[in-house]
C-alpha atoms as a PDB file:
ATOM      1  CA  UNK A   1      96.563  71.542 104.270  1.00  0.00           C
ATOM      2  CA  UNK A   2      97.143  72.154 100.460  1.00  0.00           C
ATOM      3  CA  UNK A   3      99.674  74.802  99.480  1.00  0.00           C
ATOM      4  CA  UNK A   4      99.505  76.474  95.920  1.00  0.00           C
ATOM      5  CA  UNK A   5     102.661  78.809  95.045  1.00  0.00           C
ATOM      6  CA  UNK A   6     101.961  81.868  92.710  1.00  0.00           C
ATOM      7  CA  UNK A   7     103.427  84.082  90.755  1.00  0.00           C
ATOM      8  CA  UNK A   8     103.821  86.441  87.763  1.00  0.00           C
ATOM      9  CA  UNK A   9     106.061  86.633  84.955  1.00  0.00           C
ATOM     10  CA  UNK A  10     106.839  88.212  81.510  1.00  0.00           C
ATOM     11  CA  UNK A  11     110.255  88.232  79.874  1.00  0.00           C
ATOM     12  CA  UNK A  12     112.255  86.450  82.804  1.00  0.00           C
ATOM     13  CA  UNK A  13     113.499  83.622  81.171  1.00  0.00           C
ATOM     14  CA  UNK A  14     117.175  84.692  82.397  1.00  0.00           C
ATOM     15  CA  UNK A  15     115.832  84.864  86.121  1.00  0.00           C
ATOM     16  CA  UNK A  16     113.237  81.804  85.956  1.00  0.00           C
ATOM     17  CA  UNK A  17     115.766  79.222  86.482  1.00  0.00           C
ATOM     18  CA  UNK A  18     117.127  80.219  90.050  1.00  0.00           C
ATOM     19  CA  UNK A  19     113.589  80.553  91.340  1.00  0.00           C
ATOM     20  CA  UNK A  20     112.579  77.059  90.048  1.00  0.00           C
ATOM     21  CA  UNK A  21     115.278  75.580  91.095  1.00  0.00           C
ATOM     22  CA  UNK A  22     115.020  77.125  94.549  1.00  0.00           C
ATOM     23  CA  UNK A  23     111.347  75.688  94.402  1.00  0.00           C
ATOM     24  CA  UNK A  24     112.549  72.089  93.387  1.00  0.00           C
ATOM     25  CA  UNK A  25     114.816  72.398  96.557  1.00  0.00           C
ATOM     26  CA  UNK A  26     112.217  73.423  99.306  1.00  0.00           C
ATOM     27  CA  UNK A  27     112.224  70.951 101.974  1.00  0.00           C
ATOM     28  CA  UNK A  28     108.323  71.156 102.183  1.00  0.00           C
ATOM     29  CA  UNK A  29     107.582  70.892  98.613  1.00  0.00           C
ATOM     30  CA  UNK A  30     104.420  72.499  97.276  1.00  0.00           C
ATOM     31  CA  UNK A  31     101.382  71.013  96.137  1.00  0.00           C
ATOM     32  CA  UNK A  32     101.206  72.765  92.985  1.00  0.00           C
ATOM     33  CA  UNK A  33     102.876  75.806  91.259  1.00  0.00           C
ATOM     34  CA  UNK A  34     100.719  78.368  89.269  1.00  0.00           C
ATOM     35  CA  UNK A  35     102.751  80.667  87.183  1.00  0.00           C
ATOM     36  CA  UNK A  36     100.581  83.686  84.960  1.00  0.00           C
ATOM     37  CA  UNK A  37     102.443  84.734  82.223  1.00  0.00           C
ATOM     38  CA  UNK A  38     101.851  88.014  80.767  1.00  0.00           C
ATOM     39  CA  UNK A  39     102.809  87.957  77.294  1.00  0.00           C
ATOM     40  CA  UNK A  40     106.424  87.034  77.197  1.00  0.00           C
ATOM     41  CA  UNK A  41     108.432  86.767  74.073  1.00  0.00           C
ATOM     42  CA  UNK A  42     111.720  85.798  75.016  1.00  0.00           C
ATOM     43  CA  UNK A  43     111.237  82.004  75.832  1.00  0.00           C
ATOM     44  CA  UNK A  44     110.325  82.433  79.236  1.00  0.00           C
ATOM     45  CA  UNK A  45     106.972  79.716  78.483  1.00  0.00           C
ATOM     46  CA  UNK A  46     108.982  77.263  76.755  1.00  0.00           C
ATOM     47  CA  UNK A  47     111.321  77.450  79.849  1.00  0.00           C
ATOM     48  CA  UNK A  48     108.241  76.969  81.917  1.00  0.00           C
ATOM     49  CA  UNK A  49     106.968  74.202  80.204  1.00  0.00           C
ATOM     50  CA  UNK A  50     110.407  72.027  80.060  1.00  0.00           C
ATOM     51  CA  UNK A  51     110.559  72.332  84.050  1.00  0.00           C
ATOM     52  CA  UNK A  52     106.596  71.988  84.033  1.00  0.00           C
ATOM     53  CA  UNK A  53     107.962  68.236  82.213  1.00  0.00           C
ATOM     54  CA  UNK A  54     109.984  67.154  85.078  1.00  0.00           C
ATOM     55  CA  UNK A  55     108.822  68.864  88.440  1.00  0.00           C
ATOM     56  CA  UNK A  56     107.516  66.610  91.089  1.00  0.00           C
ATOM     57  CA  UNK A  57     104.499  68.862  91.593  1.00  0.00           C
ATOM     58  CA  UNK A  58     102.117  70.283  88.862  1.00  0.00           C
ATOM     59  CA  UNK A  59     103.349  73.536  87.301  1.00  0.00           C
ATOM     60  CA  UNK A  60     100.363  75.265  85.723  1.00  0.00           C
ATOM     61  CA  UNK A  61     101.131  77.945  82.953  1.00  0.00           C
ATOM     62  CA  UNK A  62      98.272  80.451  82.712  1.00  0.00           C
ATOM     63  CA  UNK A  63      98.592  82.892  79.694  1.00  0.00           C
ATOM     64  CA  UNK A  64      97.382  86.177  80.347  1.00  0.00           C
ATOM     65  CA  UNK A  65      98.718  88.771  77.510  1.00  0.00           C
ATOM     66  CA  UNK A  66      98.688  92.444  78.763  1.00  0.00           C
ATOM     67  CA  UNK A  67      97.727  91.938  82.085  1.00  0.00           C
ATOM     68  CA  UNK A  68      99.107  93.841  85.173  1.00  0.00           C
ATOM     69  CA  UNK A  69     100.860  92.313  88.019  1.00  0.00           C
ATOM     70  CA  UNK A  70      97.588  92.575  90.441  1.00  0.00           C
ATOM     71  CA  UNK A  71      95.684  90.960  87.524  1.00  0.00           C
ATOM     72  CA  UNK A  72      98.381  87.988  87.309  1.00  0.00           C
ATOM     73  CA  UNK A  73      98.440  87.217  90.638  1.00  0.00           C
ATOM     74  CA  UNK A  74      94.375  87.279  90.789  1.00  0.00           C
ATOM     75  CA  UNK A  75      94.300  84.921  87.929  1.00  0.00           C
ATOM     76  CA  UNK A  76      97.019  82.556  89.430  1.00  0.00           C
ATOM     77  CA  UNK A  77      95.389  82.688  93.053  1.00  0.00           C
ATOM     78  CA  UNK A  78      91.478  82.024  91.605  1.00  0.00           C
ATOM     79  CA  UNK A  79      92.711  78.786  89.450  1.00  0.00           C
ATOM     80  CA  UNK A  80      95.213  77.487  92.294  1.00  0.00           C
ATOM     81  CA  UNK A  81      93.757  74.567  93.932  1.00  0.00           C
ATOM     82  CA  UNK A  82      95.272  75.230  97.512  1.00  0.00           C
ATOM     83  CA  UNK A  83      93.094  76.446 100.192  1.00  0.00           C
ATOM     84  CA  UNK A  84      96.709  77.908 100.944  1.00  0.00           C
ATOM     85  CA  UNK A  85      98.553  80.376  98.848  1.00  0.00           C
ATOM     86  CA  UNK A  86     102.244  81.230  98.970  1.00  0.00           C
ATOM     87  CA  UNK A  87     103.259  84.269  97.004  1.00  0.00           C
ATOM     88  CA  UNK A  88     106.629  84.703  95.393  1.00  0.00           C
ATOM     89  CA  UNK A  89     108.272  86.698  92.436  1.00  0.00           C
ATOM     90  CA  UNK A  90     110.617  86.171  89.553  1.00  0.00           C
ATOM     91  CA  UNK A  91     113.185  87.400  90.125  1.00  0.00           C
ATOM     92  CA  UNK A  92     114.311  85.853  93.340  1.00  0.00           C
ATOM     93  CA  UNK A  93     115.489  82.565  95.066  1.00  0.00           C
ATOM     94  CA  UNK A  94     113.924  81.014  98.017  1.00  0.00           C
ATOM     95  CA  UNK A  95     115.980  79.600 100.947  1.00  0.00           C
ATOM     96  CA  UNK A  96     115.364  75.614 101.155  1.00  0.00           C
ATOM     97  CA  UNK A  97     113.203  75.916 104.668  1.00  0.00           C
ATOM     98  CA  UNK A  98     111.319  79.141 102.943  1.00  0.00           C
ATOM     99  CA  UNK A  99     107.536  77.395 102.245  1.00  0.00           C
ATOM    100  CA  UNK A 100     107.938  75.180 105.183  1.00  0.00           C
ATOM    101  CA  UNK A 101     108.524  78.039 107.371  1.00  0.00           C
ATOM    102  CA  UNK A 102     106.083  80.187 105.605  1.00  0.00           C
ATOM    103  CA  UNK A 103     103.261  77.977 105.879  1.00  0.00           C
ATOM    104  CA  UNK A 104     104.125  76.549 109.637  1.00  0.00           C
ATOM    105  CA  UNK A 105     102.070  79.118 111.404  1.00  0.00           C
ATOM    106  CA  UNK A 106      98.884  78.110 108.953  1.00  0.00           C
ATOM    107  CA  UNK A 107      98.191  75.310 110.862  1.00  0.00           C
ATOM    108  CA  UNK A 108      96.700  77.365 113.689  1.00  0.00           C
ATOM    109  CA  UNK A 109      93.613  77.914 112.321  1.00  0.00           C
ATOM    110  CA  UNK A 110      93.027  81.211 113.478  1.00  0.00           C
ATOM    111  CA  UNK A 111      95.958  82.761 111.462  1.00  0.00           C
ATOM    112  CA  UNK A 112      95.143  83.922 107.818  1.00  0.00           C
ATOM    113  CA  UNK A 113      98.357  85.632 106.904  1.00  0.00           C
ATOM    114  CA  UNK A 114     102.061  85.318 107.130  1.00  0.00           C
ATOM    115  CA  UNK A 115     104.472  87.709 106.700  1.00  0.00           C
ATOM    116  CA  UNK A 116     107.980  86.122 105.306  1.00  0.00           C
ATOM    117  CA  UNK A 117     110.724  88.562 104.654  1.00  0.00           C
ATOM    118  CA  UNK A 118     113.470  89.204 102.048  1.00  0.00           C
ATOM    119  CA  UNK A 119     116.745  90.243 101.884  1.00  0.00           C
ATOM    120  CA  UNK A 120     118.900  91.754  98.808  1.00  0.00           C
ATOM    121  CA  UNK A 121     121.044  89.494  96.616  1.00  0.00           C
ATOM    122  CA  UNK A 122     123.682  92.154  95.443  1.00  0.00           C
ATOM    123  CA  UNK A 123     126.525  91.194  92.633  1.00  0.00           C
ATOM    124  CA  UNK A 124     128.120  94.395  92.575  1.00  0.00           C
ATOM    125  CA  UNK A 125     129.518  97.264  95.499  1.00  0.00           C
ATOM    126  CA  UNK A 126     126.956  99.702  93.883  1.00  0.00           C
ATOM    127  CA  UNK A 127     123.540  96.782  94.137  1.00  0.00           C
ATOM    128  CA  UNK A 128     125.422  96.009  97.872  1.00  0.00           C
ATOM    129  CA  UNK A 129     125.210  99.862  98.659  1.00  0.00           C
ATOM    130  CA  UNK A 130     121.635 100.195  96.969  1.00  0.00           C
ATOM    131  CA  UNK A 131     120.400  97.139  99.451  1.00  0.00           C
ATOM    132  CA  UNK A 132     121.567  98.761 102.225  1.00  0.00           C
ATOM    133  CA  UNK A 133     120.150 102.213 101.927  1.00  0.00           C
ATOM    134  CA  UNK A 134     116.696 100.967 101.084  1.00  0.00           C
ATOM    135  CA  UNK A 135     116.070  97.835 102.565  1.00  0.00           C
ATOM    136  CA  UNK A 136     114.996  96.845 105.941  1.00  0.00           C
ATOM    137  CA  UNK A 137     116.911  94.102 107.787  1.00  0.00           C
ATOM    138  CA  UNK A 138     115.059  91.996 110.384  1.00  0.00           C
ATOM    139  CA  UNK A 139     116.208  93.836 113.409  1.00  0.00           C
ATOM    140  CA  UNK A 140     114.655  96.998 112.071  1.00  0.00           C
ATOM    141  CA  UNK A 141     111.242  95.175 111.368  1.00  0.00           C
ATOM    142  CA  UNK A 142     108.314  95.550 113.848  1.00  0.00           C
ATOM    143  CA  UNK A 143     106.250  92.691 113.201  1.00  0.00           C
ATOM    144  CA  UNK A 144     102.936  94.090 114.662  1.00  0.00           C
ATOM    145  CA  UNK A 145     103.355  96.680 111.702  1.00  0.00           C
ATOM    146  CA  UNK A 146     104.964  95.185 108.853  1.00  0.00           C
ATOM    147  CA  UNK A 147     103.428  95.462 105.704  1.00  0.00           C
ATOM    148  CA  UNK A 148     105.163  91.769 103.357  1.00  0.00           C
ATOM    149  CA  UNK A 149     106.283  91.881 100.296  1.00  0.00           C
ATOM    150  CA  UNK A 150     104.582  89.561  98.009  1.00  0.00           C
ATOM    151  CA  UNK A 151     108.002  88.292  97.339  1.00  0.00           C
ATOM    152  CA  UNK A 152     107.299  86.084 100.493  1.00  0.00           C
ATOM    153  CA  UNK A 153     103.723  86.017 102.023  1.00  0.00           C
ATOM    154  CA  UNK A 154     101.378  83.187 102.369  1.00  0.00           C
ATOM    155  CA  UNK A 155      97.305  83.370 103.444  1.00  0.00           C
ATOM    156  CA  UNK A 156      94.204  81.510 102.904  1.00  0.00           C
ATOM    157  CA  UNK A 157      92.485  81.871  99.695  1.00  0.00           C
ATOM    158  CA  UNK A 158      89.661  82.965 101.542  1.00  0.00           C
ATOM    159  CA  UNK A 159      90.860  85.699 103.135  1.00  0.00           C
ATOM    160  CA  UNK A 160      92.303  86.592  99.667  1.00  0.00           C
ATOM    161  CA  UNK A 161      88.227  86.250  98.294  1.00  0.00           C
ATOM    162  CA  UNK A 162      87.241  88.260 101.535  1.00  0.00           C
ATOM    163  CA  UNK A 163      89.123  91.538 100.715  1.00  0.00           C
ATOM    164  CA  UNK A 164      88.479  91.379  96.778  1.00  0.00           C
ATOM    165  CA  UNK A 165      91.877  90.380  95.724  1.00  0.00           C
ATOM    166  CA  UNK A 166      94.749  91.980  94.636  1.00  0.00           C
ATOM    167  CA  UNK A 167      93.685  95.775  93.339  1.00  0.00           C
ATOM    168  CA  UNK A 168      93.722  95.335  89.570  1.00  0.00           C
ATOM    169  CA  UNK A 169      93.368  99.219  88.798  1.00  0.00           C
ATOM    170  CA  UNK A 170      96.876  99.929  90.203  1.00  0.00           C
ATOM    171  CA  UNK A 171     100.131  98.905  88.443  1.00  0.00           C
ATOM    172  CA  UNK A 172     102.477  99.257  91.279  1.00  0.00           C
ATOM    173  CA  UNK A 173     102.112  99.437  95.110  1.00  0.00           C
ATOM    174  CA  UNK A 174      99.678  96.840  94.554  1.00  0.00           C
ATOM    175  CA  UNK A 175     100.432  94.541  97.256  1.00  0.00           C
ATOM    176  CA  UNK A 176     100.986  97.244  99.772  1.00  0.00           C
ATOM    177  CA  UNK A 177      96.953  98.076  98.908  1.00  0.00           C
ATOM    178  CA  UNK A 178      96.072  94.048  99.332  1.00  0.00           C
ATOM    179  CA  UNK A 179      98.241  93.934 102.374  1.00  0.00           C
ATOM    180  CA  UNK A 180      96.200  96.933 104.136  1.00  0.00           C
ATOM    181  CA  UNK A 181      92.877  95.450 103.329  1.00  0.00           C
ATOM    182  CA  UNK A 182      94.102  92.023 104.821  1.00  0.00           C
ATOM    183  CA  UNK A 183      95.461  93.716 107.703  1.00  0.00           C
ATOM    184  CA  UNK A 184      92.358  95.945 108.221  1.00  0.00           C
ATOM    185  CA  UNK A 185      90.411  93.040 108.464  1.00  0.00           C
ATOM    186  CA  UNK A 186      92.775  90.286 110.069  1.00  0.00           C
ATOM    187  CA  UNK A 187      94.986  92.277 111.919  1.00  0.00           C
ATOM    188  CA  UNK A 188      97.241  89.862 113.464  1.00  0.00           C
ATOM    189  CA  UNK A 189      99.479  88.591 111.092  1.00  0.00           C
ATOM    190  CA  UNK A 190     102.010  85.578 111.865  1.00  0.00           C
ATOM    191  CA  UNK A 191     105.918  86.852 111.676  1.00  0.00           C
ATOM    192  CA  UNK A 192     107.996  84.065 109.729  1.00  0.00           C
ATOM    193  CA  UNK A 193     111.705  85.731 109.282  1.00  0.00           C
ATOM    194  CA  UNK A 194     113.065  82.918 108.381  1.00  0.00           C
ATOM    195  CA  UNK A 195     111.046  82.305 105.582  1.00  0.00           C
ATOM    196  CA  UNK A 196     113.462  84.221 102.969  1.00  0.00           C
ATOM    197  CA  UNK A 197     113.351  85.515  99.476  1.00  0.00           C
ATOM    198  CA  UNK A 198     116.510  86.714  97.889  1.00  0.00           C
ATOM    199  CA  UNK A 199     116.084  89.238  95.370  1.00  0.00           C
ATOM    200  CA  UNK A 200     118.812  91.142  93.064  1.00  0.00           C
ATOM    201  CA  UNK A 201     118.818  95.139  93.470  1.00  0.00           C
ATOM    202  CA  UNK A 202     118.314  97.284  90.352  1.00  0.00           C
ATOM    203  CA  UNK A 203     122.118  96.831  88.838  1.00  0.00           C
ATOM    204  CA  UNK A 204     122.342 100.958  88.233  1.00  0.00           C
ATOM    205  CA  UNK A 205     120.987 104.155  89.243  1.00  0.00           C
ATOM    206  CA  UNK A 206     118.759 104.981  86.370  1.00  0.00           C
ATOM    207  CA  UNK A 207     117.002 101.810  86.795  1.00  0.00           C
ATOM    208  CA  UNK A 208     116.969 102.332  90.852  1.00  0.00           C
ATOM    209  CA  UNK A 209     115.282 105.930  90.214  1.00  0.00           C
ATOM    210  CA  UNK A 210     112.702 104.486  87.691  1.00  0.00           C
ATOM    211  CA  UNK A 211     111.766 101.923  89.977  1.00  0.00           C
ATOM    212  CA  UNK A 212     111.271 104.575  92.608  1.00  0.00           C
ATOM    213  CA  UNK A 213     109.512 107.108  90.489  1.00  0.00           C
ATOM    214  CA  UNK A 214     107.008 103.943  89.492  1.00  0.00           C
ATOM    215  CA  UNK A 215     106.584 103.143  93.143  1.00  0.00           C
ATOM    216  CA  UNK A 216     105.812 106.770  94.552  1.00  0.00           C
ATOM    217  CA  UNK A 217     103.550 107.054  91.211  1.00  0.00           C
ATOM    218  CA  UNK A 218     101.942 103.949  92.712  1.00  0.00           C
ATOM    219  CA  UNK A 219     101.551 105.941  96.120  1.00  0.00           C
ATOM    220  CA  UNK A 220      99.790 108.827  94.767  1.00  0.00           C
ATOM    221  CA  UNK A 221      97.397 106.471  92.506  1.00  0.00           C
ATOM    222  CA  UNK A 222      96.529 104.505  95.606  1.00  0.00           C
ATOM    223  CA  UNK A 223      96.676 107.492  97.830  1.00  0.00           C
ATOM    224  CA  UNK A 224      99.229 106.088 100.086  1.00  0.00           C
ATOM    225  CA  UNK A 225     101.399 107.588 102.999  1.00  0.00           C
ATOM    226  CA  UNK A 226     100.658 112.052 101.872  1.00  0.00           C
ATOM    227  CA  UNK A 227     102.313 112.701 105.114  1.00  0.00           C
ATOM    228  CA  UNK A 228     105.940 111.008 104.114  1.00  0.00           C
ATOM    229  CA  UNK A 229     105.410 112.631 100.910  1.00  0.00           C
ATOM    230  CA  UNK A 230     104.456 116.001 102.321  1.00  0.00           C
ATOM    231  CA  UNK A 231     107.785 115.758 104.659  1.00  0.00           C
ATOM    232  CA  UNK A 232     110.303 114.732 101.811  1.00  0.00           C
ATOM    233  CA  UNK A 233     108.741 118.077 100.028  1.00  0.00           C
ATOM    234  CA  UNK A 234     109.247 120.223 102.947  1.00  0.00           C
ATOM    235  CA  UNK A 235     112.623 119.073 103.904  1.00  0.00           C
ATOM    236  CA  UNK A 236     113.878 119.363 100.062  1.00  0.00           C
ATOM    237  CA  UNK A 237     111.496 122.548  99.353  1.00  0.00           C
ATOM    238  CA  UNK A 238     111.471 124.482 102.632  1.00  0.00           C
ATOM    239  CA  UNK A 239     113.737 123.399 105.635  1.00  0.00           C
ATOM    240  CA  UNK A 240     117.010 122.712 103.879  1.00  0.00           C
ATOM    241  CA  UNK A 241     117.139 125.881 101.397  1.00  0.00           C
ATOM    242  CA  UNK A 242     115.927 127.678 104.682  1.00  0.00           C
ATOM    243  CA  UNK A 243     118.587 126.621 106.682  1.00  0.00           C
ATOM    244  CA  UNK A 244     121.325 127.658 103.741  1.00  0.00           C
ATOM    245  CA  UNK A 245     119.853 130.782 103.185  1.00  0.00           C
ATOM    246  CA  UNK A 246     119.817 131.579 106.948  1.00  0.00           C
ATOM    247  CA  UNK A 247     123.140 130.535 107.383  1.00  0.00           C
ATOM    248  CA  UNK A 248     124.890 133.387 105.587  1.00  0.00           C
ATOM    249  CA  UNK A 249     123.785 135.343 108.875  1.00  0.00           C
ATOM    250  CA  UNK A 250     123.999 132.931 111.323  1.00  0.00           C
ATOM    251  CA  UNK A 251     126.664 130.425 109.964  1.00  0.00           C
ATOM    252  CA  UNK A 252     126.151 128.484 113.527  1.00  0.00           C
ATOM    253  CA  UNK A 253     122.616 127.257 111.536  1.00  0.00           C
ATOM    254  CA  UNK A 254     124.909 125.542 108.873  1.00  0.00           C
ATOM    255  CA  UNK A 255     125.447 122.584 111.030  1.00  0.00           C
ATOM    256  CA  UNK A 256     122.151 122.175 110.912  1.00  0.00           C
ATOM    257  CA  UNK A 257     123.000 120.350 107.181  1.00  0.00           C
ATOM    258  CA  UNK A 258     125.002 118.101 108.152  1.00  0.00           C
ATOM    259  CA  UNK A 259     123.349 116.969 111.523  1.00  0.00           C
ATOM    260  CA  UNK A 260     120.442 116.226 109.170  1.00  0.00           C
ATOM    261  CA  UNK A 261     122.131 114.339 106.449  1.00  0.00           C
ATOM    262  CA  UNK A 262     123.586 112.081 109.468  1.00  0.00           C
ATOM    263  CA  UNK A 263     120.574 111.310 110.580  1.00  0.00           C
ATOM    264  CA  UNK A 264     119.040 110.423 107.115  1.00  0.00           C
ATOM    265  CA  UNK A 265     122.085 108.193 106.801  1.00  0.00           C
ATOM    266  CA  UNK A 266     122.645 106.518 109.760  1.00  0.00           C
ATOM    267  CA  UNK A 267     120.816 103.573 109.168  1.00  0.00           C
ATOM    268  CA  UNK A 268     121.692 102.775 105.639  1.00  0.00           C
ATOM    269  CA  UNK A 269     125.511 103.165 106.487  1.00  0.00           C
ATOM    270  CA  UNK A 270     125.115 100.857 109.680  1.00  0.00           C
ATOM    271  CA  UNK A 271     123.589  98.255 107.540  1.00  0.00           C
ATOM    272  CA  UNK A 272     126.378  98.914 104.753  1.00  0.00           C
ATOM    273  CA  UNK A 273     128.773  97.790 107.213  1.00  0.00           C
ATOM    274  CA  UNK A 274     127.111  94.773 108.093  1.00  0.00           C
ATOM    275  CA  UNK A 275     126.973  93.818 104.593  1.00  0.00           C
ATOM    276  CA  UNK A 276     130.558  94.538 103.727  1.00  0.00           C
ATOM    277  CA  UNK A 277     132.262  93.210 106.495  1.00  0.00           C
ATOM    278  CA  UNK A 278     135.299  91.416 105.639  1.00  0.00           C
ATOM    279  CA  UNK A 279     135.508  93.916 102.322  1.00  0.00           C
ATOM    280  CA  UNK A 280     138.786  95.734 101.492  1.00  0.00           C
ATOM    281  CA  UNK A 281     138.459  98.892 102.750  1.00  0.00           C
ATOM    282  CA  UNK A 282     138.852 100.958  99.218  1.00  0.00           C
ATOM    283  CA  UNK A 283     135.880  98.510  98.565  1.00  0.00           C
ATOM    284  CA  UNK A 284     133.944  99.368 101.549  1.00  0.00           C
ATOM    285  CA  UNK A 285     134.946 102.734 101.006  1.00  0.00           C
ATOM    286  CA  UNK A 286     133.392 103.071  97.238  1.00  0.00           C
ATOM    287  CA  UNK A 287     130.364 101.502  98.570  1.00  0.00           C
ATOM    288  CA  UNK A 288     129.816 104.068 101.298  1.00  0.00           C
ATOM    289  CA  UNK A 289     130.016 107.075  98.719  1.00  0.00           C
ATOM    290  CA  UNK A 290     127.099 105.247  96.727  1.00  0.00           C
ATOM    291  CA  UNK A 291     125.158 105.833  99.799  1.00  0.00           C
ATOM    292  CA  UNK A 292     123.931 109.775  99.873  1.00  0.00           C
ATOM    293  CA  UNK A 293     123.985 109.780  96.201  1.00  0.00           C
ATOM    294  CA  UNK A 294     121.093 106.966  96.164  1.00  0.00           C
ATOM    295  CA  UNK A 295     119.122 108.329  99.085  1.00  0.00           C
ATOM    296  CA  UNK A 296     119.297 111.783  96.831  1.00  0.00           C
ATOM    297  CA  UNK A 297     118.124 110.115  93.910  1.00  0.00           C
ATOM    298  CA  UNK A 298     115.534 108.062  95.284  1.00  0.00           C
ATOM    299  CA  UNK A 299     113.866 111.196  97.343  1.00  0.00           C
ATOM    300  CA  UNK A 300     113.899 113.173  93.962  1.00  0.00           C
ATOM    301  CA  UNK A 301     112.015 110.243  91.815  1.00  0.00           C
ATOM    302  CA  UNK A 302     109.480 110.057  94.411  1.00  0.00           C
ATOM    303  CA  UNK A 303     109.131 113.552  94.669  1.00  0.00           C
ATOM    304  CA  UNK A 304     108.623 113.456  90.680  1.00  0.00           C
ATOM    305  CA  UNK A 305     106.544 110.533  90.855  1.00  0.00           C
ATOM    306  CA  UNK A 306     104.095 111.458  93.429  1.00  0.00           C
ATOM    307  CA  UNK A 307     102.332 114.212  92.223  1.00  0.00           C
ATOM    308  CA  UNK A 308     101.989 112.318  88.324  1.00  0.00           C
ATOM    309  CA  UNK A 309     100.185 109.787  90.641  1.00  0.00           C
ATOM    310  CA  UNK A 310      97.822 112.486  92.640  1.00  0.00           C
ATOM    311  CA  UNK A 311      96.898 113.993  89.521  1.00  0.00           C
ATOM    312  CA  UNK A 312      96.026 110.296  87.870  1.00  0.00           C
ATOM    313  CA  UNK A 313      94.038 109.747  90.954  1.00  0.00           C
ATOM    314  CA  UNK A 314      92.185 113.191  90.982  1.00  0.00           C
ATOM    315  CA  UNK A 315      91.088 112.407  87.202  1.00  0.00           C
ATOM    316  CA  UNK A 316      90.138 109.110  87.307  1.00  0.00           C
ATOM    317  CA  UNK A 317      87.939 110.724  90.578  1.00  0.00           C
ATOM    318  CA  UNK A 318      89.057 107.533  92.859  1.00  0.00           C
ATOM    319  CA  UNK A 319      87.692 108.134  96.541  1.00  0.00           C
END
């Protein structure tokens, strides 16, 4: 079983050493690493070339200036010599057993796709709160419904070809569309929760808002999750204002607002409690105060981004 690890990069000179060092430390080394560079100008290619000169496995660098993430992944997979593809991303570092855990289920010829997992690697109070607010824990996951991130997923190259690869017409959410196409054809993904990739959340609220705007724009372009987005518009645009207005006549209705807020924030606060275990109480309080603002910012960013994507889809007449 020959395994190719693939990823795409662009101007990742500061984050790549952690990823490459973690690949060097794998208990099951890759048979090769294929990296597509989207046109870096910060020394990323020189860094990769330096690692390539000393790595115990072939490290191939494919120049693809101007390519998007989907194009970069497809190019790397097409060039890969392995029959098993393990995908990850720049900006992460991998547990030493990541690749061993990820490809172990593929020794069964019936398995086509393996879902790995990812966890936050926060460096600040805000990043800790952001990870707790936006990212599931292993306990939250239903493996039969989980949509893996391309930070940590493995699949047979034949499966990638069978579904047409990553959708190159999408700039965001391309891995979701790819996963859904795989699940439609191969419903039973194997689950490898110990195949862990660690990644750092966005360092500030502005960057997070832009990230979620782009994610939601991608949802709109791809026609993903219309009901989820409709619920968000109904909650903020109708239900909450209606409760507030009617509360002047029936004050008891105002109880619905804090109850609804508590329901929205229960899971993030539960995760935050685990992430901040052992912290001084003042630092934990600072993290807790970020959670409602992060949730509100993310929802508003999605509400702005989604119709932009829907309008793009309508103009392009994507079915």
